[in-house]
Amino acid sequence: MSRITKAEIAEIVAHALPFAASLDPRIVRLKAGDVTVRMPFRRDFVRPGGTIAGPLMMGLADFAMYVCVMSLIGRVELAVTTSLNINFLRKPAPRDMQARATMLKLGKRLAVMEVSLFSARDKAPVAHVTGTYSIPPRG
């Protein structure tokens, strides 16, 4: 069971994460350590060549990792990205994009995750992401 709710995430996005809000992320799946987020397609997300811009894909992946961390530790808004590596595998289709984040290892101070990015309705990923989050000390 997740230690944060969709409503709590929506509140954080609305009040503290303006960049994430600009992606209009939708939580599709929220389980402890297993999160899927959908980013609705917008024409202004497309770069020359007809592909979704890489920085938007990275932003979606980072947001999915943020939610994944909080799904296990609860509302700790000061958890931050310490590393993010992305491998673009193929050109994404110009439609909604989904990010599935899973926790690989959760420690006291660091969380290591991976994210697969998909064009909606496709089975093959368009990008693979690994990332680490720093978790602030409690208290």
Protein backbone atom coordinates (compact mmCIF):
# COMPACT_ATOMS: atom_id res chain seq x y z
CA MET A 1 0.00 0.00 0.00
CA SER A 2 1.29 3.46 -0.92
CA ARG A 3 2.29 5.84 1.88
CA ILE A 4 1.02 8.84 -0.11
CA THR A 5 -2.30 9.43 -1.86
CA LYS A 6 -3.11 10.80 -5.30
CA ALA A 7 -4.72 13.80 -3.59
CA GLU A 8 -1.53 14.56 -1.64
CA ILE A 9 0.53 14.34 -4.82
CA ALA A 10 -1.89 16.68 -6.61
CA GLU A 11 -1.55 19.16 -3.72
CA ILE A 12 2.27 19.07 -3.90
CA VAL A 13 2.19 19.57 -7.68
CA ALA A 14 -0.27 22.47 -7.43
CA HIS A 15 1.60 24.32 -4.69
CA ALA A 16 5.29 23.42 -4.97
CA LEU A 17 6.11 21.96 -8.40
CA PRO A 18 5.21 24.40 -11.18
CA PHE A 19 7.33 22.57 -13.78
CA ALA A 20 5.63 19.26 -12.97
CA ALA A 21 2.26 21.02 -13.12
CA SER A 22 3.08 22.20 -16.66
CA LEU A 23 3.32 18.52 -17.71
CA ASP A 24 -0.20 17.92 -16.34
CA PRO A 25 0.81 14.50 -14.95
CA ARG A 26 -1.89 11.92 -14.19
CA ILE A 27 -1.25 9.11 -11.73
CA VAL A 28 -2.38 5.88 -13.38
CA ARG A 29 -0.97 3.41 -10.84
CA LEU A 30 0.12 4.14 -7.28
CA LYS A 31 1.47 1.16 -5.38
CA ALA A 32 4.36 1.12 -2.96
CA GLY A 33 7.48 1.14 -5.12
CA ASP A 34 5.56 0.77 -8.40
CA VAL A 35 4.15 3.91 -10.01
CA THR A 36 2.80 4.74 -13.46
CA VAL A 37 2.29 8.35 -14.54
CA ARG A 38 0.73 9.58 -17.78
CA MET A 39 1.62 12.86 -19.48
CA PRO A 40 -1.15 13.99 -21.85
CA PHE A 41 0.06 14.82 -25.36
CA ARG A 42 0.30 18.45 -26.41
CA ARG A 43 1.48 19.76 -29.79
CA ASP A 44 3.96 22.10 -28.06
CA PHE A 45 5.78 19.01 -26.66
CA VAL A 46 6.88 18.04 -30.19
CA ARG A 47 10.31 19.07 -31.45
CA PRO A 48 11.55 19.14 -35.04
CA GLY A 49 11.44 15.64 -36.49
CA GLY A 50 8.02 14.96 -34.97
CA THR A 51 9.23 13.52 -31.68
CA ILE A 52 8.47 14.37 -28.05
CA ALA A 53 11.23 16.64 -26.74
CA GLY A 54 13.81 14.85 -24.59
CA PRO A 55 13.66 17.32 -21.67
CA LEU A 56 9.92 16.65 -21.33
CA MET A 57 10.54 12.91 -21.28
CA MET A 58 13.21 13.43 -18.61
CA GLY A 59 10.83 15.61 -16.60
CA LEU A 60 8.14 12.94 -16.72
CA ALA A 61 10.63 10.26 -15.64
CA ASP A 62 11.90 12.43 -12.79
CA PHE A 63 8.36 13.12 -11.59
CA ALA A 64 7.55 9.39 -11.69
CA MET A 65 10.63 8.71 -9.53
CA TYR A 66 9.60 11.44 -7.08
CA VAL A 67 6.18 9.83 -6.67
CA CYS A 68 7.77 6.37 -6.41
CA VAL A 69 10.00 7.50 -3.53
CA MET A 70 7.07 9.03 -1.67
CA SER A 71 4.97 5.92 -2.28
CA LEU A 72 7.39 4.16 0.08
CA ILE A 73 8.47 6.85 2.56
CA GLY A 74 5.43 9.11 2.65
CA ARG A 75 5.25 12.85 2.11
CA VAL A 76 8.87 13.96 2.16
CA GLU A 77 8.84 16.85 -0.28
CA LEU A 78 12.56 17.58 0.10
CA ALA A 79 13.62 14.26 -1.44
CA VAL A 80 15.69 15.34 -4.47
CA THR A 81 17.21 13.88 -7.59
CA THR A 82 20.93 13.23 -7.27
CA SER A 83 21.38 11.46 -10.60
CA LEU A 84 19.34 10.70 -13.68
CA ASN A 85 20.56 8.78 -16.72
CA ILE A 86 18.38 8.35 -19.78
CA ASN A 87 18.83 6.16 -22.83
CA PHE A 88 16.58 7.12 -25.72
CA LEU A 89 15.71 3.85 -27.46
CA ARG A 90 13.43 4.89 -30.30
CA LYS A 91 11.31 7.78 -31.52
CA PRO A 92 8.17 8.23 -29.42
CA ALA A 93 4.84 8.60 -31.16
CA PRO A 94 3.11 12.01 -30.95
CA ARG A 95 0.60 10.96 -28.30
CA ASP A 96 0.31 10.59 -24.51
CA MET A 97 3.40 9.23 -22.80
CA GLN A 98 3.54 6.91 -19.79
CA ALA A 99 6.35 6.44 -17.29
CA ARG A 100 6.52 3.35 -15.09
CA ALA A 101 8.88 3.79 -12.14
CA THR A 102 9.97 0.92 -9.93
CA MET A 103 12.17 0.98 -6.86
CA LEU A 104 15.36 -1.06 -7.14
CA LYS A 105 16.79 -0.27 -3.70
CA LEU A 106 15.57 1.93 -0.88
CA GLY A 107 18.05 2.84 1.84
CA LYS A 108 17.95 5.34 4.68
CA ARG A 109 19.45 8.17 2.59
CA LEU A 110 19.31 7.01 -1.04
CA ALA A 111 16.69 5.50 -3.33
CA VAL A 112 17.65 3.90 -6.65
CA MET A 113 14.96 3.48 -9.31
CA GLU A 114 14.40 2.68 -12.92
CA VAL A 115 11.79 4.08 -15.27
CA SER A 116 10.52 2.81 -18.59
CA LEU A 117 8.91 5.41 -20.85
CA PHE A 118 6.28 4.39 -23.39
CA SER A 119 4.17 6.08 -26.02
CA ALA A 120 0.59 5.35 -24.99
CA ARG A 121 -0.69 2.02 -26.32
CA ASP A 122 2.82 0.82 -27.30
CA LYS A 123 4.43 -2.19 -25.65
CA ALA A 124 8.05 -1.34 -26.51
CA PRO A 125 9.70 1.39 -24.43
CA VAL A 126 10.94 4.58 -26.06
CA ALA A 127 13.44 5.31 -23.28
CA HIS A 128 15.01 3.68 -20.23
CA VAL A 129 15.94 5.77 -17.21
CA THR A 130 17.84 5.06 -14.03
CA GLY A 131 18.01 7.52 -11.20
CA THR A 132 18.92 8.10 -7.59
CA TYR A 133 17.13 10.27 -5.06
CA SER A 134 18.57 11.65 -1.86
CA ILE A 135 16.27 11.33 1.13
CA PRO A 136 16.69 14.01 3.80
CA PRO A 137 17.28 12.93 7.38
CA ARG A 138 14.12 12.61 9.45
CA GLY A 139 13.45 15.03 12.27
